[in-house]
Amino acid sequence: MTEDAHTFHHGFASVLLATATTDGHPTASYAPYLSDEQPLLFYIFISELAEHTGNLLQNPKASLLFIDNEAESGSLFARKRITYSCKVEAISRDQLIFDTLLDRFEARHGSTMALLRTFQDFHLFRLTPTKASYVRGFGDAFEFDLN
């Protein structure tokens, strides 16, 4: 993957999230996220009250979209963006990495995390990209197999 594709998500605090129900009904939403670079991994911490959480627990696949702001784009038809297809796994509260990741969430996203982490209906997920589609503009697009 090119360096600019690999680092494009750094400018975002949240990610657009696409999930599907077990019968294939799509759901679009968003979530604040964390990432690790080597290997490339994303993490989200989301509530059971949100449809996407149930979707991920039942159908552990997701698509992530990072896209330039409309106001900063030269053309609405060619906004710079990267989409990741991901396999998803839940990280349980008894795993050692759970508290470490929530500490990182709090450092990045602020004190609201101190409250959210106490809510038992919130789940931490690891999203591992398997492929990526990166568009820099018209005729300037790349596909990457990340397996």
N, C-alpha and C. Protein backbone atom coordinates (compact mmCIF):
# COMPACT_ATOMS: atom_id res chain seq x y z
N MET A 1 0.85 -1.17 0.00
CA MET A 1 0.00 0.00 0.00
C MET A 1 0.90 1.23 0.00
N THR A 2 0.50 2.27 -0.74
CA THR A 2 1.30 3.48 -0.80
C THR A 2 1.29 4.19 0.56
N GLU A 3 2.32 4.98 0.81
CA GLU A 3 2.43 5.68 2.10
C GLU A 3 1.25 6.62 2.33
N ASP A 4 0.85 7.38 1.29
CA ASP A 4 -0.26 8.31 1.50
C ASP A 4 -1.57 7.57 1.74
N ALA A 5 -1.76 6.41 1.13
CA ALA A 5 -2.96 5.60 1.41
C ALA A 5 -2.91 5.08 2.84
N HIS A 6 -1.74 4.63 3.25
CA HIS A 6 -1.59 4.03 4.58
C HIS A 6 -1.82 5.05 5.70
N THR A 7 -1.51 6.32 5.45
CA THR A 7 -1.62 7.33 6.50
C THR A 7 -2.82 8.25 6.35
N PHE A 8 -3.63 8.08 5.31
CA PHE A 8 -4.76 8.98 5.06
C PHE A 8 -5.69 9.08 6.27
N HIS A 9 -5.94 7.98 6.96
CA HIS A 9 -6.87 7.98 8.10
C HIS A 9 -6.37 8.79 9.30
N HIS A 10 -5.10 9.15 9.32
CA HIS A 10 -4.55 9.87 10.47
C HIS A 10 -5.25 11.21 10.73
N GLY A 11 -5.83 11.80 9.71
CA GLY A 11 -6.49 13.10 9.86
C GLY A 11 -7.90 13.03 10.41
N PHE A 12 -8.35 11.87 10.82
CA PHE A 12 -9.74 11.69 11.26
C PHE A 12 -9.79 11.18 12.70
N ALA A 13 -10.81 11.61 13.44
CA ALA A 13 -11.04 11.12 14.80
C ALA A 13 -12.14 10.06 14.82
N SER A 14 -12.95 10.02 13.75
CA SER A 14 -14.01 9.02 13.67
C SER A 14 -14.02 8.43 12.26
N VAL A 15 -14.71 7.31 12.13
CA VAL A 15 -14.75 6.58 10.87
C VAL A 15 -16.20 6.28 10.53
N LEU A 16 -16.53 6.32 9.24
CA LEU A 16 -17.84 5.87 8.78
C LEU A 16 -17.81 4.36 8.72
N LEU A 17 -18.85 3.73 9.22
CA LEU A 17 -18.88 2.29 9.44
C LEU A 17 -20.08 1.69 8.73
N ALA A 18 -19.86 0.67 7.92
CA ALA A 18 -20.95 -0.07 7.27
C ALA A 18 -20.94 -1.49 7.80
N THR A 19 -22.11 -1.93 8.26
CA THR A 19 -22.28 -3.30 8.76
C THR A 19 -23.53 -3.86 8.10
N ALA A 20 -23.80 -5.13 8.34
CA ALA A 20 -25.00 -5.76 7.79
C ALA A 20 -25.61 -6.69 8.81
N THR A 21 -26.93 -6.77 8.79
CA THR A 21 -27.63 -7.73 9.63
C THR A 21 -27.38 -9.13 9.10
N THR A 22 -27.80 -10.13 9.83
CA THR A 22 -27.60 -11.52 9.37
C THR A 22 -28.36 -11.80 8.09
N ASP A 23 -29.46 -11.06 7.82
CA ASP A 23 -30.19 -11.26 6.57
C ASP A 23 -29.72 -10.31 5.46
N GLY A 24 -28.63 -9.59 5.70
CA GLY A 24 -28.01 -8.77 4.67
C GLY A 24 -28.47 -7.33 4.60
N HIS A 25 -29.33 -6.88 5.51
CA HIS A 25 -29.78 -5.49 5.52
C HIS A 25 -28.62 -4.59 5.93
N PRO A 26 -28.24 -3.61 5.09
CA PRO A 26 -27.09 -2.76 5.41
C PRO A 26 -27.44 -1.68 6.43
N THR A 27 -26.44 -1.32 7.21
CA THR A 27 -26.55 -0.24 8.19
C THR A 27 -25.31 0.63 8.07
N ALA A 28 -25.51 1.94 7.94
CA ALA A 28 -24.40 2.89 7.92
C ALA A 28 -24.41 3.68 9.22
N SER A 29 -23.23 3.92 9.76
CA SER A 29 -23.11 4.66 11.01
C SER A 29 -21.69 5.22 11.10
N TYR A 30 -21.31 5.61 12.28
CA TYR A 30 -19.93 6.08 12.48
C TYR A 30 -19.52 5.75 13.90
N ALA A 31 -18.22 5.83 14.16
CA ALA A 31 -17.71 5.63 15.51
C ALA A 31 -16.34 6.28 15.64
N PRO A 32 -16.03 6.83 16.81
CA PRO A 32 -14.65 7.21 17.08
C PRO A 32 -13.78 5.94 17.01
N TYR A 33 -12.53 6.09 16.66
CA TYR A 33 -11.68 4.91 16.48
C TYR A 33 -10.26 5.17 16.97
N LEU A 34 -9.54 4.06 17.11
CA LEU A 34 -8.09 4.05 17.32
C LEU A 34 -7.50 3.21 16.21
N SER A 35 -6.21 3.38 15.96
CA SER A 35 -5.55 2.50 15.00
C SER A 35 -4.16 2.13 15.49
N ASP A 36 -3.69 1.00 15.00
CA ASP A 36 -2.31 0.58 15.11
C ASP A 36 -1.79 0.47 13.70
N GLU A 37 -0.51 0.72 13.51
CA GLU A 37 0.04 0.77 12.15
C GLU A 37 0.69 -0.52 11.68
N GLN A 38 1.36 -1.25 12.52
CA GLN A 38 2.10 -2.45 12.10
C GLN A 38 1.73 -3.64 12.98
N PRO A 39 0.80 -4.47 12.61
CA PRO A 39 0.01 -4.40 11.38
C PRO A 39 -1.10 -3.35 11.51
N LEU A 40 -1.68 -2.98 10.36
CA LEU A 40 -2.77 -2.01 10.35
C LEU A 40 -4.01 -2.63 10.98
N LEU A 41 -4.45 -2.05 12.09
CA LEU A 41 -5.64 -2.50 12.82
C LEU A 41 -6.43 -1.27 13.25
N PHE A 42 -7.75 -1.43 13.32
CA PHE A 42 -8.62 -0.37 13.82
C PHE A 42 -9.40 -0.92 15.01
N TYR A 43 -9.76 -0.03 15.93
CA TYR A 43 -10.53 -0.41 17.11
C TYR A 43 -11.69 0.57 17.28
N ILE A 44 -12.86 0.05 17.63
CA ILE A 44 -14.01 0.88 17.96
C ILE A 44 -14.62 0.38 19.26
N PHE A 45 -15.23 1.28 20.01
CA PHE A 45 -15.86 0.96 21.29
C PHE A 45 -17.29 1.48 21.20
N ILE A 46 -18.26 0.56 21.08
CA ILE A 46 -19.63 0.94 20.74
C ILE A 46 -20.66 0.23 21.60
N SER A 47 -21.83 0.85 21.71
CA SER A 47 -22.90 0.40 22.59
C SER A 47 -23.84 -0.59 21.92
N GLU A 48 -24.38 -1.50 22.73
CA GLU A 48 -25.41 -2.42 22.25
C GLU A 48 -26.68 -1.68 21.84
N LEU A 49 -26.86 -0.45 22.27
CA LEU A 49 -28.02 0.33 21.87
C LEU A 49 -27.97 0.71 20.40
N ALA A 50 -26.80 0.66 19.80
CA ALA A 50 -26.63 0.98 18.38
C ALA A 50 -26.76 -0.30 17.56
N GLU A 51 -27.48 -0.20 16.45
CA GLU A 51 -27.71 -1.37 15.60
C GLU A 51 -26.41 -2.00 15.11
N HIS A 52 -25.42 -1.17 14.84
CA HIS A 52 -24.17 -1.72 14.30
C HIS A 52 -23.48 -2.68 15.26
N THR A 53 -23.66 -2.50 16.56
CA THR A 53 -23.03 -3.41 17.53
C THR A 53 -23.59 -4.81 17.40
N GLY A 54 -24.91 -4.93 17.37
CA GLY A 54 -25.54 -6.24 17.17
C GLY A 54 -25.14 -6.85 15.85
N ASN A 55 -25.06 -6.02 14.81
CA ASN A 55 -24.63 -6.53 13.50
C ASN A 55 -23.24 -7.14 13.59
N LEU A 56 -22.31 -6.45 14.24
CA LEU A 56 -20.93 -6.96 14.32
C LEU A 56 -20.84 -8.22 15.17
N LEU A 57 -21.66 -8.30 16.21
CA LEU A 57 -21.65 -9.50 17.05
C LEU A 57 -22.19 -10.72 16.29
N GLN A 58 -23.14 -10.50 15.39
CA GLN A 58 -23.76 -11.60 14.64
C GLN A 58 -23.10 -11.85 13.28
N ASN A 59 -22.53 -10.82 12.69
CA ASN A 59 -21.96 -10.90 11.35
C ASN A 59 -20.64 -10.11 11.37
N PRO A 60 -19.54 -10.75 11.76
CA PRO A 60 -18.29 -10.03 12.04
C PRO A 60 -17.52 -9.57 10.81
N LYS A 61 -18.18 -8.73 10.02
CA LYS A 61 -17.56 -8.11 8.85
C LYS A 61 -18.00 -6.66 8.83
N ALA A 62 -17.13 -5.79 8.33
CA ALA A 62 -17.48 -4.37 8.26
C ALA A 62 -16.67 -3.71 7.15
N SER A 63 -17.16 -2.57 6.75
CA SER A 63 -16.43 -1.71 5.84
C SER A 63 -16.23 -0.38 6.55
N LEU A 64 -15.02 0.16 6.45
CA LEU A 64 -14.68 1.45 7.04
C LEU A 64 -14.42 2.45 5.92
N LEU A 65 -14.91 3.67 6.07
CA LEU A 65 -14.70 4.71 5.07
C LEU A 65 -14.16 5.96 5.74
N PHE A 66 -13.03 6.42 5.22
CA PHE A 66 -12.47 7.72 5.58
C PHE A 66 -12.55 8.56 4.31
N ILE A 67 -13.18 9.74 4.38
CA ILE A 67 -13.40 10.55 3.18
C ILE A 67 -13.18 12.03 3.49
N ASP A 68 -12.54 12.73 2.55
CA ASP A 68 -12.30 14.16 2.72
C ASP A 68 -13.59 14.92 2.95
N ASN A 69 -13.50 15.99 3.68
CA ASN A 69 -14.61 16.89 3.94
C ASN A 69 -15.11 17.48 2.63
N GLU A 70 -16.44 17.54 2.46
CA GLU A 70 -17.01 18.11 1.24
C GLU A 70 -16.53 19.53 0.99
N ALA A 71 -16.46 20.34 2.03
CA ALA A 71 -16.09 21.75 1.89
C ALA A 71 -14.65 21.92 1.42
N GLU A 72 -13.82 20.91 1.65
CA GLU A 72 -12.41 21.01 1.27
C GLU A 72 -12.10 20.26 -0.02
N SER A 73 -13.12 19.69 -0.63
CA SER A 73 -12.92 18.89 -1.83
C SER A 73 -13.07 19.76 -3.07
N GLY A 74 -12.21 19.53 -4.05
CA GLY A 74 -12.32 20.25 -5.31
C GLY A 74 -13.55 19.84 -6.09
N SER A 75 -13.95 18.58 -5.96
CA SER A 75 -15.12 18.05 -6.67
C SER A 75 -15.82 17.04 -5.79
N LEU A 76 -17.12 17.17 -5.67
CA LEU A 76 -17.89 16.20 -4.89
C LEU A 76 -17.85 14.81 -5.52
N PHE A 77 -17.54 14.74 -6.80
CA PHE A 77 -17.50 13.46 -7.50
C PHE A 77 -16.16 12.75 -7.39
N ALA A 78 -15.18 13.43 -6.84
CA ALA A 78 -13.83 12.84 -6.78
C ALA A 78 -13.17 13.13 -5.43
N ARG A 79 -13.95 13.01 -4.37
CA ARG A 79 -13.37 13.25 -3.04
C ARG A 79 -12.35 12.17 -2.70
N LYS A 80 -11.24 12.60 -2.14
CA LYS A 80 -10.21 11.66 -1.70
C LYS A 80 -10.78 10.79 -0.60
N ARG A 81 -10.55 9.46 -0.70
CA ARG A 81 -11.13 8.54 0.27
C ARG A 81 -10.41 7.20 0.26
N ILE A 82 -10.56 6.49 1.37
CA ILE A 82 -10.08 5.11 1.43
C ILE A 82 -11.16 4.28 2.13
N THR A 83 -11.42 3.13 1.56
CA THR A 83 -12.39 2.18 2.11
C THR A 83 -11.65 0.90 2.45
N TYR A 84 -11.87 0.39 3.65
CA TYR A 84 -11.29 -0.87 4.08
C TYR A 84 -12.39 -1.91 4.28
N SER A 85 -12.21 -3.09 3.71
CA SER A 85 -13.04 -4.24 4.06
C SER A 85 -12.33 -4.94 5.21
N CYS A 86 -13.09 -5.25 6.27
CA CYS A 86 -12.46 -5.76 7.49
C CYS A 86 -13.14 -7.00 8.03
N LYS A 87 -12.33 -7.86 8.61
CA LYS A 87 -12.87 -8.90 9.48
C LYS A 87 -12.87 -8.31 10.89
N VAL A 88 -13.82 -8.74 11.70
CA VAL A 88 -14.05 -8.11 13.00
C VAL A 88 -14.02 -9.15 14.10
N GLU A 89 -13.40 -8.79 15.22
CA GLU A 89 -13.47 -9.65 16.39
C GLU A 89 -13.68 -8.79 17.63
N ALA A 90 -14.51 -9.30 18.54
CA ALA A 90 -14.75 -8.62 19.81
C ALA A 90 -13.57 -8.89 20.75
N ILE A 91 -13.21 -7.88 21.51
CA ILE A 91 -12.18 -8.01 22.55
C ILE A 91 -12.91 -7.96 23.88
N SER A 92 -12.86 -9.04 24.63
CA SER A 92 -13.61 -9.11 25.88
C SER A 92 -12.92 -8.32 26.98
N ARG A 93 -13.68 -7.95 27.98
CA ARG A 93 -13.19 -7.14 29.09
C ARG A 93 -12.12 -7.85 29.91
N ASP A 94 -12.06 -9.18 29.83
CA ASP A 94 -11.05 -9.91 30.60
C ASP A 94 -9.73 -10.09 29.85
N GLN A 95 -9.64 -9.63 28.61
CA GLN A 95 -8.38 -9.69 27.87
C GLN A 95 -7.47 -8.56 28.34
N LEU A 96 -6.18 -8.83 28.45
CA LEU A 96 -5.22 -7.85 28.95
C LEU A 96 -5.21 -6.56 28.13
N ILE A 97 -5.41 -6.68 26.83
CA ILE A 97 -5.33 -5.51 25.96
C ILE A 97 -6.53 -4.57 26.12
N PHE A 98 -7.62 -5.06 26.70
CA PHE A 98 -8.85 -4.27 26.81
C PHE A 98 -8.60 -2.93 27.51
N ASP A 99 -8.07 -2.95 28.73
CA ASP A 99 -7.84 -1.71 29.47
C ASP A 99 -6.80 -0.81 28.82
N THR A 100 -5.79 -1.42 28.23
CA THR A 100 -4.77 -0.64 27.52
C THR A 100 -5.39 0.15 26.38
N LEU A 101 -6.25 -0.50 25.61
CA LEU A 101 -6.90 0.18 24.49
C LEU A 101 -7.87 1.26 24.97
N LEU A 102 -8.61 0.98 26.03
CA LEU A 102 -9.53 2.01 26.53
C LEU A 102 -8.78 3.21 27.11
N ASP A 103 -7.61 2.98 27.69
CA ASP A 103 -6.76 4.09 28.13
C ASP A 103 -6.34 4.94 26.93
N ARG A 104 -6.01 4.28 25.84
CA ARG A 104 -5.65 5.00 24.61
C ARG A 104 -6.85 5.76 24.06
N PHE A 105 -8.03 5.14 24.09
CA PHE A 105 -9.25 5.84 23.67
C PHE A 105 -9.44 7.12 24.49
N GLU A 106 -9.28 7.02 25.80
CA GLU A 106 -9.47 8.18 26.66
C GLU A 106 -8.44 9.27 26.36
N ALA A 107 -7.19 8.87 26.14
CA ALA A 107 -6.15 9.85 25.81
C ALA A 107 -6.45 10.56 24.49
N ARG A 108 -7.00 9.83 23.53
CA ARG A 108 -7.26 10.42 22.22
C ARG A 108 -8.60 11.15 22.16
N HIS A 109 -9.63 10.59 22.79
CA HIS A 109 -10.98 11.11 22.59
C HIS A 109 -11.57 11.84 23.79
N GLY A 110 -10.83 11.93 24.88
CA GLY A 110 -11.25 12.76 25.99
C GLY A 110 -11.95 12.03 27.12
N SER A 111 -12.36 12.84 28.09
CA SER A 111 -12.85 12.32 29.36
C SER A 111 -14.19 11.58 29.27
N THR A 112 -14.95 11.75 28.22
CA THR A 112 -16.19 10.99 28.07
C THR A 112 -15.92 9.50 28.15
N MET A 113 -14.75 9.09 27.70
CA MET A 113 -14.39 7.66 27.74
C MET A 113 -14.34 7.12 29.17
N ALA A 114 -13.99 7.95 30.14
CA ALA A 114 -13.95 7.50 31.54
C ALA A 114 -15.33 7.03 31.98
N LEU A 115 -16.37 7.68 31.50
CA LEU A 115 -17.73 7.27 31.81
C LEU A 115 -18.16 6.08 30.95
N LEU A 116 -17.93 6.16 29.64
CA LEU A 116 -18.38 5.10 28.73
C LEU A 116 -17.78 3.74 29.08
N ARG A 117 -16.54 3.73 29.51
CA ARG A 117 -15.89 2.45 29.80
C ARG A 117 -16.53 1.72 30.96
N THR A 118 -17.32 2.42 31.79
CA THR A 118 -18.02 1.78 32.91
C THR A 118 -19.34 1.14 32.48
N PHE A 119 -19.82 1.47 31.29
CA PHE A 119 -21.10 0.93 30.82
C PHE A 119 -20.89 -0.47 30.26
N GLN A 120 -21.58 -1.44 30.81
CA GLN A 120 -21.39 -2.84 30.42
C GLN A 120 -21.97 -3.17 29.05
N ASP A 121 -22.79 -2.29 28.49
CA ASP A 121 -23.35 -2.55 27.16
C ASP A 121 -22.40 -2.14 26.04
N PHE A 122 -21.25 -1.58 26.39
CA PHE A 122 -20.28 -1.19 25.36
C PHE A 122 -19.34 -2.36 25.07
N HIS A 123 -19.01 -2.51 23.78
CA HIS A 123 -18.14 -3.58 23.31
C HIS A 123 -16.96 -2.97 22.56
N LEU A 124 -15.80 -3.57 22.75
CA LEU A 124 -14.59 -3.19 22.04
C LEU A 124 -14.36 -4.18 20.91
N PHE A 125 -14.16 -3.65 19.70
CA PHE A 125 -13.94 -4.49 18.53
C PHE A 125 -12.60 -4.15 17.87
N ARG A 126 -11.94 -5.20 17.37
CA ARG A 126 -10.74 -5.06 16.54
C ARG A 126 -11.17 -5.31 15.10
N LEU A 127 -10.84 -4.39 14.21
CA LEU A 127 -11.16 -4.52 12.80
C LEU A 127 -9.86 -4.67 12.03
N THR A 128 -9.71 -5.80 11.36
CA THR A 128 -8.49 -6.11 10.62
C THR A 128 -8.77 -5.98 9.13
N PRO A 129 -8.19 -4.99 8.46
CA PRO A 129 -8.43 -4.82 7.03
C PRO A 129 -7.91 -6.00 6.21
N THR A 130 -8.72 -6.44 5.26
CA THR A 130 -8.32 -7.50 4.34
C THR A 130 -8.09 -6.95 2.93
N LYS A 131 -8.73 -5.83 2.61
CA LYS A 131 -8.46 -5.15 1.35
C LYS A 131 -8.80 -3.69 1.50
N ALA A 132 -8.25 -2.88 0.60
CA ALA A 132 -8.48 -1.44 0.65
C ALA A 132 -8.67 -0.92 -0.76
N SER A 133 -9.47 0.12 -0.86
CA SER A 133 -9.67 0.85 -2.11
C SER A 133 -9.38 2.32 -1.82
N TYR A 134 -8.38 2.86 -2.49
CA TYR A 134 -7.93 4.23 -2.24
C TYR A 134 -8.15 5.06 -3.49
N VAL A 135 -8.88 6.17 -3.35
CA VAL A 135 -9.17 7.07 -4.47
C VAL A 135 -8.60 8.44 -4.13
N ARG A 136 -7.67 8.90 -4.98
CA ARG A 136 -7.10 10.23 -4.79
C ARG A 136 -7.82 11.27 -5.65
N GLY A 137 -8.55 10.81 -6.67
CA GLY A 137 -9.26 11.72 -7.57
C GLY A 137 -9.67 10.99 -8.82
N PHE A 138 -10.14 11.73 -9.83
CA PHE A 138 -10.56 11.12 -11.09
C PHE A 138 -9.42 10.32 -11.72
N GLY A 139 -9.67 9.07 -12.04
CA GLY A 139 -8.67 8.22 -12.69
C GLY A 139 -7.45 7.93 -11.84
N ASP A 140 -7.52 8.18 -10.57
CA ASP A 140 -6.37 8.01 -9.68
C ASP A 140 -6.81 7.14 -8.49
N ALA A 141 -7.00 5.85 -8.79
CA ALA A 141 -7.55 4.92 -7.78
C ALA A 141 -6.70 3.66 -7.71
N PHE A 142 -6.66 3.07 -6.53
CA PHE A 142 -5.83 1.89 -6.29
C PHE A 142 -6.59 0.88 -5.45
N GLU A 143 -6.37 -0.39 -5.72
CA GLU A 143 -6.91 -1.48 -4.91
C GLU A 143 -5.72 -2.19 -4.25
N PHE A 144 -5.86 -2.56 -2.99
CA PHE A 144 -4.80 -3.25 -2.25
C PHE A 144 -5.36 -4.48 -1.57
N ASP A 145 -4.69 -5.61 -1.77
CA ASP A 145 -5.02 -6.84 -1.02
C ASP A 145 -4.15 -6.82 0.22
N LEU A 146 -4.75 -6.83 1.38
CA LEU A 146 -4.00 -6.69 2.63
C LEU A 146 -3.86 -8.01 3.39
N ASN A 147 -4.22 -9.10 2.77
CA ASN A 147 -4.06 -10.42 3.42
C ASN A 147 -2.61 -10.84 3.44
